[in-house]
Amino acid sequence: MKTLPPRLSVRDNRRLKPPPKTAALIYRTPEYRAWRAKVIGRAGGRCEWVEQGQRCPKREPEDRMFADHRVELRDGGAEFDPANGQCLCGSHHTRKTMDERARRANA
């Protein structure tokens, strides 16, 4: 089934556009890749988010996992300490990141 094109075109009228998102250089280092493998491996490739007493069922390889810094680097968290890492699925990683940004903005 073919869909129709939108009736209105989308225009970006912003005068000041945000810069393109770029990954921090730390995420390209061999030390980070080793830390990431250790954090995700320790969790058995499964998301460590716990909500209402239940651990998230998402896991590799069906779901993408992220090695997340419990204490974010910009808040002084240790870069490559496995104790500062947790394995999170994409949705929980985004949720935690947004919560941290909101907390930082309200501080």
PDB file of N, CA and C in Angstrom:
ATOM      1  N   MET A   1       0.838  -1.181   0.000  1.00  0.00           N
ATOM      2  CA  MET A   1       0.000   0.000   0.000  1.00  0.00           C
ATOM      3  C   MET A   1       0.886   1.249   0.000  1.00  0.00           C
ATOM      4  N   LYS A   2       0.626   2.130  -0.894  1.00  0.00           N
ATOM      5  CA  LYS A   2       1.413   3.346  -1.030  1.00  0.00           C
ATOM      6  C   LYS A   2       0.781   4.455  -0.185  1.00  0.00           C
ATOM      7  N   THR A   3       1.637   5.216   0.509  1.00  0.00           N
ATOM      8  CA  THR A   3       1.115   6.321   1.310  1.00  0.00           C
ATOM      9  C   THR A   3       1.263   7.627   0.537  1.00  0.00           C
ATOM     10  N   LEU A   4       0.416   8.559   0.879  1.00  0.00           N
ATOM     11  CA  LEU A   4       0.465   9.860   0.225  1.00  0.00           C
ATOM     12  C   LEU A   4       1.528  10.733   0.878  1.00  0.00           C
ATOM     13  N   PRO A   5       2.144  11.609   0.105  1.00  0.00           N
ATOM     14  CA  PRO A   5       3.126  12.523   0.698  1.00  0.00           C
ATOM     15  C   PRO A   5       2.405  13.544   1.578  1.00  0.00           C
ATOM     16  N   PRO A   6       3.121  14.141   2.539  1.00  0.00           N
ATOM     17  CA  PRO A   6       2.475  15.140   3.391  1.00  0.00           C
ATOM     18  C   PRO A   6       1.994  16.336   2.569  1.00  0.00           C
ATOM     19  N   ARG A   7       0.900  16.934   3.018  1.00  0.00           N
ATOM     20  CA  ARG A   7       0.348  18.083   2.298  1.00  0.00           C
ATOM     21  C   ARG A   7       1.179  19.343   2.521  1.00  0.00           C
ATOM     22  N   LEU A   8       1.751  19.448   3.718  1.00  0.00           N
ATOM     23  CA  LEU A   8       2.561  20.614   4.044  1.00  0.00           C
ATOM     24  C   LEU A   8       4.025  20.212   4.150  1.00  0.00           C
ATOM     25  N   SER A   9       4.874  21.054   3.593  1.00  0.00           N
ATOM     26  CA  SER A   9       6.294  20.759   3.733  1.00  0.00           C
ATOM     27  C   SER A   9       6.778  21.263   5.088  1.00  0.00           C
ATOM     28  N   VAL A  10       7.799  20.642   5.608  1.00  0.00           N
ATOM     29  CA  VAL A  10       8.352  21.017   6.897  1.00  0.00           C
ATOM     30  C   VAL A  10       9.477  22.018   6.670  1.00  0.00           C
ATOM     31  N   ARG A  11       9.390  23.149   7.379  1.00  0.00           N
ATOM     32  CA  ARG A  11      10.424  24.179   7.264  1.00  0.00           C
ATOM     33  C   ARG A  11      11.021  24.442   8.629  1.00  0.00           C
ATOM     34  N   ASP A  12      12.295  24.614   8.653  1.00  0.00           N
ATOM     35  CA  ASP A  12      12.985  24.941   9.891  1.00  0.00           C
ATOM     36  C   ASP A  12      13.217  26.446   9.900  1.00  0.00           C
ATOM     37  N   ASN A  13      12.411  27.165  10.678  1.00  0.00           N
ATOM     38  CA  ASN A  13      12.476  28.625  10.716  1.00  0.00           C
ATOM     39  C   ASN A  13      13.323  29.161  11.864  1.00  0.00           C
ATOM     40  N   ARG A  14      14.020  28.287  12.545  1.00  0.00           N
ATOM     41  CA  ARG A  14      14.830  28.762  13.665  1.00  0.00           C
ATOM     42  C   ARG A  14      15.947  29.658  13.150  1.00  0.00           C
ATOM     43  N   ARG A  15      16.162  30.760  13.860  1.00  0.00           N
ATOM     44  CA  ARG A  15      17.257  31.664  13.496  1.00  0.00           C
ATOM     45  C   ARG A  15      18.593  31.095  13.966  1.00  0.00           C
ATOM     46  N   LEU A  16      18.572  30.492  15.127  1.00  0.00           N
ATOM     47  CA  LEU A  16      19.791  29.915  15.693  1.00  0.00           C
ATOM     48  C   LEU A  16      19.573  28.409  15.821  1.00  0.00           C
ATOM     49  N   LYS A  17      20.323  27.654  15.057  1.00  0.00           N
ATOM     50  CA  LYS A  17      20.178  26.205  15.071  1.00  0.00           C
ATOM     51  C   LYS A  17      21.225  25.597  15.988  1.00  0.00           C
ATOM     52  N   PRO A  18      20.851  24.531  16.711  1.00  0.00           N
ATOM     53  CA  PRO A  18      21.823  23.901  17.598  1.00  0.00           C
ATOM     54  C   PRO A  18      22.941  23.248  16.794  1.00  0.00           C
ATOM     55  N   PRO A  19      24.124  23.187  17.390  1.00  0.00           N
ATOM     56  CA  PRO A  19      25.228  22.521  16.683  1.00  0.00           C
ATOM     57  C   PRO A  19      24.943  21.028  16.561  1.00  0.00           C
ATOM     58  N   PRO A  20      25.499  20.376  15.568  1.00  0.00           N
ATOM     59  CA  PRO A  20      25.276  18.935  15.432  1.00  0.00           C
ATOM     60  C   PRO A  20      25.848  18.190  16.632  1.00  0.00           C
ATOM     61  N   LYS A  21      25.169  17.127  17.011  1.00  0.00           N
ATOM     62  CA  LYS A  21      25.607  16.335  18.152  1.00  0.00           C
ATOM     63  C   LYS A  21      26.856  15.547  17.766  1.00  0.00           C
ATOM     64  N   THR A  22      27.853  15.599  18.621  1.00  0.00           N
ATOM     65  CA  THR A  22      29.072  14.827  18.390  1.00  0.00           C
ATOM     66  C   THR A  22      29.420  14.068  19.662  1.00  0.00           C
ATOM     67  N   ALA A  23      29.909  12.868  19.503  1.00  0.00           N
ATOM     68  CA  ALA A  23      30.292  12.046  20.648  1.00  0.00           C
ATOM     69  C   ALA A  23      31.609  12.553  21.224  1.00  0.00           C
ATOM     70  N   ALA A  24      31.698  12.514  22.552  1.00  0.00           N
ATOM     71  CA  ALA A  24      32.940  12.904  23.215  1.00  0.00           C
ATOM     72  C   ALA A  24      34.048  11.935  22.797  1.00  0.00           C
ATOM     73  N   LEU A  25      35.260  12.436  22.733  1.00  0.00           N
ATOM     74  CA  LEU A  25      36.393  11.624  22.283  1.00  0.00           C
ATOM     75  C   LEU A  25      36.636  10.410  23.172  1.00  0.00           C
ATOM     76  N   ILE A  26      36.271  10.482  24.445  1.00  0.00           N
ATOM     77  CA  ILE A  26      36.501   9.362  25.365  1.00  0.00           C
ATOM     78  C   ILE A  26      35.838   8.083  24.852  1.00  0.00           C
ATOM     79  N   TYR A  27      34.693   8.224  24.178  1.00  0.00           N
ATOM     80  CA  TYR A  27      33.941   7.046  23.727  1.00  0.00           C
ATOM     81  C   TYR A  27      34.598   6.325  22.555  1.00  0.00           C
ATOM     82  N   ARG A  28      35.676   6.869  22.048  1.00  0.00           N
ATOM     83  CA  ARG A  28      36.399   6.236  20.938  1.00  0.00           C
ATOM     84  C   ARG A  28      37.700   5.585  21.390  1.00  0.00           C
ATOM     85  N   THR A  29      37.988   5.607  22.680  1.00  0.00           N
ATOM     86  CA  THR A  29      39.261   5.091  23.176  1.00  0.00           C
ATOM     87  C   THR A  29      39.183   3.594  23.472  1.00  0.00           C
ATOM     88  N   PRO A  30      40.321   2.898  23.410  1.00  0.00           N
ATOM     89  CA  PRO A  30      40.340   1.480  23.770  1.00  0.00           C
ATOM     90  C   PRO A  30      39.991   1.267  25.243  1.00  0.00           C
ATOM     91  N   GLU A  31      40.349   2.230  26.099  1.00  0.00           N
ATOM     92  CA  GLU A  31      40.026   2.108  27.532  1.00  0.00           C
ATOM     93  C   GLU A  31      38.519   2.117  27.752  1.00  0.00           C
ATOM     94  N   TYR A  32      37.831   2.985  27.019  1.00  0.00           N
ATOM     95  CA  TYR A  32      36.372   3.022  27.148  1.00  0.00           C
ATOM     96  C   TYR A  32      35.757   1.728  26.635  1.00  0.00           C
ATOM     97  N   ARG A  33      36.227   1.231  25.503  1.00  0.00           N
ATOM     98  CA  ARG A  33      35.668  -0.012  24.946  1.00  0.00           C
ATOM     99  C   ARG A  33      35.869  -1.183  25.905  1.00  0.00           C
ATOM    100  N   ALA A  34      37.029  -1.240  26.566  1.00  0.00           N
ATOM    101  CA  ALA A  34      37.278  -2.305  27.550  1.00  0.00           C
ATOM    102  C   ALA A  34      36.358  -2.140  28.757  1.00  0.00           C
ATOM    103  N   TRP A  35      36.186  -0.896  29.227  1.00  0.00           N
ATOM    104  CA  TRP A  35      35.291  -0.618  30.355  1.00  0.00           C
ATOM    105  C   TRP A  35      33.858  -1.007  30.002  1.00  0.00           C
ATOM    106  N   ARG A  36      33.425  -0.644  28.794  1.00  0.00           N
ATOM    107  CA  ARG A  36      32.074  -0.962  28.342  1.00  0.00           C
ATOM    108  C   ARG A  36      31.843  -2.473  28.310  1.00  0.00           C
ATOM    109  N   ALA A  37      32.808  -3.199  27.761  1.00  0.00           N
ATOM    110  CA  ALA A  37      32.686  -4.661  27.686  1.00  0.00           C
ATOM    111  C   ALA A  37      32.601  -5.268  29.086  1.00  0.00           C
ATOM    112  N   LYS A  38      33.386  -4.733  30.014  1.00  0.00           N
ATOM    113  CA  LYS A  38      33.374  -5.240  31.383  1.00  0.00           C
ATOM    114  C   LYS A  38      32.025  -4.983  32.062  1.00  0.00           C
ATOM    115  N   VAL A  39      31.495  -3.769  31.905  1.00  0.00           N
ATOM    116  CA  VAL A  39      30.226  -3.399  32.538  1.00  0.00           C
ATOM    117  C   VAL A  39      29.070  -4.231  31.979  1.00  0.00           C
ATOM    118  N   ILE A  40      28.989  -4.348  30.674  1.00  0.00           N
ATOM    119  CA  ILE A  40      27.902  -5.109  30.053  1.00  0.00           C
ATOM    120  C   ILE A  40      28.066  -6.598  30.321  1.00  0.00           C
ATOM    121  N   GLY A  41      29.314  -7.088  30.283  1.00  0.00           N
ATOM    122  CA  GLY A  41      29.567  -8.500  30.586  1.00  0.00           C
ATOM    123  C   GLY A  41      29.196  -8.864  32.013  1.00  0.00           C
ATOM    124  N   ARG A  42      29.525  -7.982  32.962  1.00  0.00           N
ATOM    125  CA  ARG A  42      29.203  -8.229  34.375  1.00  0.00           C
ATOM    126  C   ARG A  42      27.688  -8.365  34.568  1.00  0.00           C
ATOM    127  N   ALA A  43      26.907  -7.639  33.767  1.00  0.00           N
ATOM    128  CA  ALA A  43      25.448  -7.690  33.863  1.00  0.00           C
ATOM    129  C   ALA A  43      24.857  -8.841  33.052  1.00  0.00           C
ATOM    130  N   GLY A  44      25.709  -9.614  32.419  1.00  0.00           N
ATOM    131  CA  GLY A  44      25.222 -10.708  31.587  1.00  0.00           C
ATOM    132  C   GLY A  44      24.514 -10.221  30.333  1.00  0.00           C
ATOM    133  N   GLY A  45      24.833  -8.977  29.911  1.00  0.00           N
ATOM    134  CA  GLY A  45      24.206  -8.429  28.705  1.00  0.00           C
ATOM    135  C   GLY A  45      22.760  -8.053  28.909  1.00  0.00           C
ATOM    136  N   ARG A  46      22.338  -7.905  30.174  1.00  0.00           N
ATOM    137  CA  ARG A  46      20.942  -7.603  30.485  1.00  0.00           C
ATOM    138  C   ARG A  46      20.836  -6.255  31.199  1.00  0.00           C
ATOM    139  N   CYS A  47      19.796  -5.501  30.872  1.00  0.00           N
ATOM    140  CA  CYS A  47      19.560  -4.191  31.477  1.00  0.00           C
ATOM    141  C   CYS A  47      19.437  -4.344  32.995  1.00  0.00           C
ATOM    142  N   GLU A  48      20.105  -3.459  33.733  1.00  0.00           N
ATOM    143  CA  GLU A  48      20.108  -3.531  35.198  1.00  0.00           C
ATOM    144  C   GLU A  48      19.071  -2.626  35.860  1.00  0.00           C
ATOM    145  N   TRP A  49      18.230  -1.964  35.074  1.00  0.00           N
ATOM    146  CA  TRP A  49      17.208  -1.077  35.628  1.00  0.00           C
ATOM    147  C   TRP A  49      16.188  -1.896  36.416  1.00  0.00           C
ATOM    148  N   VAL A  50      15.893  -1.458  37.625  1.00  0.00           N
ATOM    149  CA  VAL A  50      14.895  -2.133  38.466  1.00  0.00           C
ATOM    150  C   VAL A  50      13.767  -1.153  38.740  1.00  0.00           C
ATOM    151  N   GLU A  51      12.552  -1.588  38.463  1.00  0.00           N
ATOM    152  CA  GLU A  51      11.381  -0.753  38.688  1.00  0.00           C
ATOM    153  C   GLU A  51      10.290  -1.616  39.308  1.00  0.00           C
ATOM    154  N   GLN A  52       9.737  -1.135  40.416  1.00  0.00           N
ATOM    155  CA  GLN A  52       8.716  -1.875  41.161  1.00  0.00           C
ATOM    156  C   GLN A  52       9.181  -3.286  41.490  1.00  0.00           C
ATOM    157  N   GLY A  53      10.444  -3.400  41.856  1.00  0.00           N
ATOM    158  CA  GLY A  53      11.016  -4.680  42.260  1.00  0.00           C
ATOM    159  C   GLY A  53      11.322  -5.646  41.134  1.00  0.00           C
ATOM    160  N   GLN A  54      11.135  -5.221  39.891  1.00  0.00           N
ATOM    161  CA  GLN A  54      11.370  -6.098  38.746  1.00  0.00           C
ATOM    162  C   GLN A  54      12.508  -5.553  37.890  1.00  0.00           C
ATOM    163  N   ARG A  55      13.437  -6.429  37.540  1.00  0.00           N
ATOM    164  CA  ARG A  55      14.531  -6.033  36.653  1.00  0.00           C
ATOM    165  C   ARG A  55      14.042  -6.051  35.215  1.00  0.00           C
ATOM    166  N   CYS A  56      14.477  -5.067  34.463  1.00  0.00           N
ATOM    167  CA  CYS A  56      14.105  -4.961  33.050  1.00  0.00           C
ATOM    168  C   CYS A  56      14.508  -6.244  32.317  1.00  0.00           C
ATOM    169  N   PRO A  57      13.625  -6.803  31.487  1.00  0.00           N
ATOM    170  CA  PRO A  57      13.944  -8.058  30.799  1.00  0.00           C
ATOM    171  C   PRO A  57      14.768  -7.895  29.517  1.00  0.00           C
ATOM    172  N   LYS A  58      15.004  -6.659  29.080  1.00  0.00           N
ATOM    173  CA  LYS A  58      15.724  -6.471  27.810  1.00  0.00           C
ATOM    174  C   LYS A  58      17.170  -6.916  27.944  1.00  0.00           C
ATOM    175  N   ARG A  59      17.680  -7.535  26.857  1.00  0.00           N
ATOM    176  CA  ARG A  59      19.051  -8.067  26.862  1.00  0.00           C
ATOM    177  C   ARG A  59      19.608  -8.144  25.456  1.00  0.00           C
ATOM    178  N   GLU A  60      20.945  -8.280  25.407  1.00  0.00           N
ATOM    179  CA  GLU A  60      21.614  -8.509  24.129  1.00  0.00           C
ATOM    180  C   GLU A  60      21.317  -9.940  23.687  1.00  0.00           C
ATOM    181  N   PRO A  61      21.322 -10.270  22.450  1.00  0.00           N
ATOM    182  CA  PRO A  61      21.553  -9.427  21.278  1.00  0.00           C
ATOM    183  C   PRO A  61      20.268  -8.806  20.728  1.00  0.00           C
ATOM    184  N   GLU A  62      19.117  -9.150  21.332  1.00  0.00           N
ATOM    185  CA  GLU A  62      17.851  -8.620  20.814  1.00  0.00           C
ATOM    186  C   GLU A  62      17.750  -7.106  20.982  1.00  0.00           C
ATOM    187  N   ASP A  63      18.323  -6.592  22.060  1.00  0.00           N
ATOM    188  CA  ASP A  63      18.230  -5.169  22.383  1.00  0.00           C
ATOM    189  C   ASP A  63      19.630  -4.572  22.498  1.00  0.00           C
ATOM    190  N   ARG A  64      19.751  -3.317  22.164  1.00  0.00           N
ATOM    191  CA  ARG A  64      21.030  -2.622  22.280  1.00  0.00           C
ATOM    192  C   ARG A  64      21.240  -2.218  23.731  1.00  0.00           C
ATOM    193  N   MET A  65      22.428  -2.515  24.239  1.00  0.00           N
ATOM    194  CA  MET A  65      22.762  -2.182  25.618  1.00  0.00           C
ATOM    195  C   MET A  65      23.798  -1.064  25.654  1.00  0.00           C
ATOM    196  N   PHE A  66      23.705  -0.242  26.671  1.00  0.00           N
ATOM    197  CA  PHE A  66      24.621   0.871  26.872  1.00  0.00           C
ATOM    198  C   PHE A  66      25.322   0.693  28.210  1.00  0.00           C
ATOM    199  N   ALA A  67      26.613   0.960  28.239  1.00  0.00           N
ATOM    200  CA  ALA A  67      27.354   1.016  29.504  1.00  0.00           C
ATOM    201  C   ALA A  67      27.216   2.452  29.991  1.00  0.00           C
ATOM    202  N   ASP A  68      26.460   2.632  31.053  1.00  0.00           N
ATOM    203  CA  ASP A  68      26.135   3.962  31.551  1.00  0.00           C
ATOM    204  C   ASP A  68      26.950   4.275  32.792  1.00  0.00           C
ATOM    205  N   HIS A  69      27.446   5.495  32.884  1.00  0.00           N
ATOM    206  CA  HIS A  69      28.136   5.936  34.098  1.00  0.00           C
ATOM    207  C   HIS A  69      27.078   6.276  35.148  1.00  0.00           C
ATOM    208  N   ARG A  70      27.105   5.592  36.283  1.00  0.00           N
ATOM    209  CA  ARG A  70      26.147   5.873  37.367  1.00  0.00           C
ATOM    210  C   ARG A  70      26.236   7.342  37.781  1.00  0.00           C
ATOM    211  N   VAL A  71      27.455   7.800  38.028  1.00  0.00           N
ATOM    212  CA  VAL A  71      27.702   9.226  38.265  1.00  0.00           C
ATOM    213  C   VAL A  71      28.300   9.736  36.967  1.00  0.00           C
ATOM    214  N   GLU A  72      27.586  10.618  36.285  1.00  0.00           N
ATOM    215  CA  GLU A  72      28.021  11.082  34.978  1.00  0.00           C
ATOM    216  C   GLU A  72      29.381  11.766  35.053  1.00  0.00           C
ATOM    217  N   LEU A  73      30.110  11.683  33.953  1.00  0.00           N
ATOM    218  CA  LEU A  73      31.459  12.252  33.902  1.00  0.00           C
ATOM    219  C   LEU A  73      31.447  13.740  34.218  1.00  0.00           C
ATOM    220  N   ARG A  74      30.466  14.461  33.714  1.00  0.00           N
ATOM    221  CA  ARG A  74      30.417  15.903  33.970  1.00  0.00           C
ATOM    222  C   ARG A  74      30.088  16.226  35.420  1.00  0.00           C
ATOM    223  N   ASP A  75      29.620  15.213  36.160  1.00  0.00           N
ATOM    224  CA  ASP A  75      29.349  15.390  37.588  1.00  0.00           C
ATOM    225  C   ASP A  75      30.468  14.827  38.452  1.00  0.00           C
ATOM    226  N   GLY A  76      31.584  14.471  37.817  1.00  0.00           N
ATOM    227  CA  GLY A  76      32.750  13.999  38.559  1.00  0.00           C
ATOM    228  C   GLY A  76      32.871  12.494  38.677  1.00  0.00           C
ATOM    229  N   GLY A  77      32.093  11.738  37.918  1.00  0.00           N
ATOM    230  CA  GLY A  77      32.169  10.275  37.966  1.00  0.00           C
ATOM    231  C   GLY A  77      33.462   9.749  37.391  1.00  0.00           C
ATOM    232  N   ALA A  78      33.915   8.616  37.915  1.00  0.00           N
ATOM    233  CA  ALA A  78      35.153   7.983  37.450  1.00  0.00           C
ATOM    234  C   ALA A  78      34.948   7.441  36.032  1.00  0.00           C
ATOM    235  N   GLU A  79      35.903   7.751  35.159  1.00  0.00           N
ATOM    236  CA  GLU A  79      35.781   7.371  33.750  1.00  0.00           C
ATOM    237  C   GLU A  79      35.725   5.875  33.523  1.00  0.00           C
ATOM    238  N   PHE A  80      36.687   5.146  34.094  1.00  0.00           N
ATOM    239  CA  PHE A  80      36.836   3.734  33.748  1.00  0.00           C
ATOM    240  C   PHE A  80      36.732   2.805  34.949  1.00  0.00           C
ATOM    241  N   ASP A  81      36.111   3.241  36.024  1.00  0.00           N
ATOM    242  CA  ASP A  81      35.903   2.399  37.200  1.00  0.00           C
ATOM    243  C   ASP A  81      34.636   1.567  36.964  1.00  0.00           C
ATOM    244  N   PRO A  82      34.758   0.243  36.900  1.00  0.00           N
ATOM    245  CA  PRO A  82      33.569  -0.581  36.663  1.00  0.00           C
ATOM    246  C   PRO A  82      32.476  -0.384  37.715  1.00  0.00           C
ATOM    247  N   ALA A  83      32.849   0.031  38.926  1.00  0.00           N
ATOM    248  CA  ALA A  83      31.846   0.287  39.961  1.00  0.00           C
ATOM    249  C   ALA A  83      30.975   1.492  39.605  1.00  0.00           C
ATOM    250  N   ASN A  84      31.457   2.354  38.717  1.00  0.00           N
ATOM    251  CA  ASN A  84      30.681   3.508  38.281  1.00  0.00           C
ATOM    252  C   ASN A  84      29.930   3.203  36.982  1.00  0.00           C
ATOM    253  N   GLY A  85      29.743   1.947  36.674  1.00  0.00           N
ATOM    254  CA  GLY A  85      29.059   1.582  35.436  1.00  0.00           C
ATOM    255  C   GLY A  85      27.867   0.694  35.677  1.00  0.00           C
ATOM    256  N   GLN A  86      26.879   0.830  34.813  1.00  0.00           N
ATOM    257  CA  GLN A  86      25.729  -0.062  34.830  1.00  0.00           C
ATOM    258  C   GLN A  86      25.276  -0.288  33.402  1.00  0.00           C
ATOM    259  N   CYS A  87      24.723  -1.441  33.153  1.00  0.00           N
ATOM    260  CA  CYS A  87      24.245  -1.818  31.831  1.00  0.00           C
ATOM    261  C   CYS A  87      22.774  -1.421  31.726  1.00  0.00           C
ATOM    262  N   LEU A  88      22.459  -0.575  30.750  1.00  0.00           N
ATOM    263  CA  LEU A  88      21.075  -0.133  30.567  1.00  0.00           C
ATOM    264  C   LEU A  88      20.649  -0.313  29.113  1.00  0.00           C
ATOM    265  N   CYS A  89      19.373  -0.648  28.919  1.00  0.00           N
ATOM    266  CA  CYS A  89      18.819  -0.709  27.568  1.00  0.00           C
ATOM    267  C   CYS A  89      18.646   0.729  27.071  1.00  0.00           C
ATOM    268  N   GLY A  90      18.354   0.887  25.813  1.00  0.00           N
ATOM    269  CA  GLY A  90      18.242   2.214  25.222  1.00  0.00           C
ATOM    270  C   GLY A  90      17.208   3.097  25.905  1.00  0.00           C
ATOM    271  N   SER A  91      16.028   2.561  26.194  1.00  0.00           N
ATOM    272  CA  SER A  91      14.981   3.393  26.787  1.00  0.00           C
ATOM    273  C   SER A  91      15.336   3.821  28.206  1.00  0.00           C
ATOM    274  N   HIS A  92      15.923   2.925  28.988  1.00  0.00           N
ATOM    275  CA  HIS A  92      16.298   3.295  30.349  1.00  0.00           C
ATOM    276  C   HIS A  92      17.518   4.214  30.370  1.00  0.00           C
ATOM    277  N   HIS A  93      18.429   4.044  29.427  1.00  0.00           N
ATOM    278  CA  HIS A  93      19.578   4.942  29.333  1.00  0.00           C
ATOM    279  C   HIS A  93      19.099   6.367  29.013  1.00  0.00           C
ATOM    280  N   THR A  94      18.173   6.487  28.067  1.00  0.00           N
ATOM    281  CA  THR A  94      17.625   7.797  27.718  1.00  0.00           C
ATOM    282  C   THR A  94      16.893   8.404  28.897  1.00  0.00           C
ATOM    283  N   ARG A  95      16.104   7.606  29.575  1.00  0.00           N
ATOM    284  CA  ARG A  95      15.346   8.090  30.736  1.00  0.00           C
ATOM    285  C   ARG A  95      16.276   8.614  31.825  1.00  0.00           C
ATOM    286  N   LYS A  96      17.320   7.848  32.135  1.00  0.00           N
ATOM    287  CA  LYS A  96      18.270   8.259  33.170  1.00  0.00           C
ATOM    288  C   LYS A  96      19.004   9.531  32.752  1.00  0.00           C
ATOM    289  N   THR A  97      19.411   9.611  31.495  1.00  0.00           N
ATOM    290  CA  THR A  97      20.115  10.787  30.997  1.00  0.00           C
ATOM    291  C   THR A  97      19.223  12.028  31.078  1.00  0.00           C
ATOM    292  N   MET A  98      17.968  11.905  30.679  1.00  0.00           N
ATOM    293  CA  MET A  98      17.039  13.041  30.741  1.00  0.00           C
ATOM    294  C   MET A  98      16.776  13.471  32.186  1.00  0.00           C
ATOM    295  N   ASP A  99      16.638  12.501  33.089  1.00  0.00           N
ATOM    296  CA  ASP A  99      16.450  12.819  34.510  1.00  0.00           C
ATOM    297  C   ASP A  99      17.656  13.577  35.061  1.00  0.00           C
ATOM    298  N   GLU A 100      18.864  13.156  34.680  1.00  0.00           N
ATOM    299  CA  GLU A 100      20.077  13.822  35.149  1.00  0.00           C
ATOM    300  C   GLU A 100      20.183  15.247  34.594  1.00  0.00           C
ATOM    301  N   ARG A 101      19.826  15.417  33.335  1.00  0.00           N
ATOM    302  CA  ARG A 101      19.855  16.756  32.739  1.00  0.00           C
ATOM    303  C   ARG A 101      18.858  17.684  33.443  1.00  0.00           C
ATOM    304  N   ALA A 102      17.673  17.178  33.726  1.00  0.00           N
ATOM    305  CA  ALA A 102      16.660  17.978  34.416  1.00  0.00           C
ATOM    306  C   ALA A 102      17.141  18.334  35.824  1.00  0.00           C
ATOM    307  N   ARG A 103      17.732  17.384  36.518  1.00  0.00           N
ATOM    308  CA  ARG A 103      18.238  17.631  37.862  1.00  0.00           C
ATOM    309  C   ARG A 103      19.316  18.714  37.833  1.00  0.00           C
ATOM    310  N   ARG A 104      20.220  18.607  36.858  1.00  0.00           N
ATOM    311  CA  ARG A 104      21.299  19.575  36.729  1.00  0.00           C
ATOM    312  C   ARG A 104      20.748  20.969  36.401  1.00  0.00           C
ATOM    313  N   ALA A 105      19.726  21.038  35.555  1.00  0.00           N
ATOM    314  CA  ALA A 105      19.136  22.323  35.162  1.00  0.00           C
ATOM    315  C   ALA A 105      18.424  22.988  36.335  1.00  0.00           C
ATOM    316  N   ASN A 106      17.871  22.183  37.234  1.00  0.00           N
ATOM    317  CA  ASN A 106      17.136  22.723  38.394  1.00  0.00           C
ATOM    318  C   ASN A 106      18.014  22.963  39.613  1.00  0.00           C
ATOM    319  N   ALA A 107      19.277  22.625  39.508  1.00  0.00           N
ATOM    320  CA  ALA A 107      20.169  22.791  40.676  1.00  0.00           C
ATOM    321  C   ALA A 107      20.627  24.217  40.838  1.00  0.00           C
TER     322      ALA A 107
END
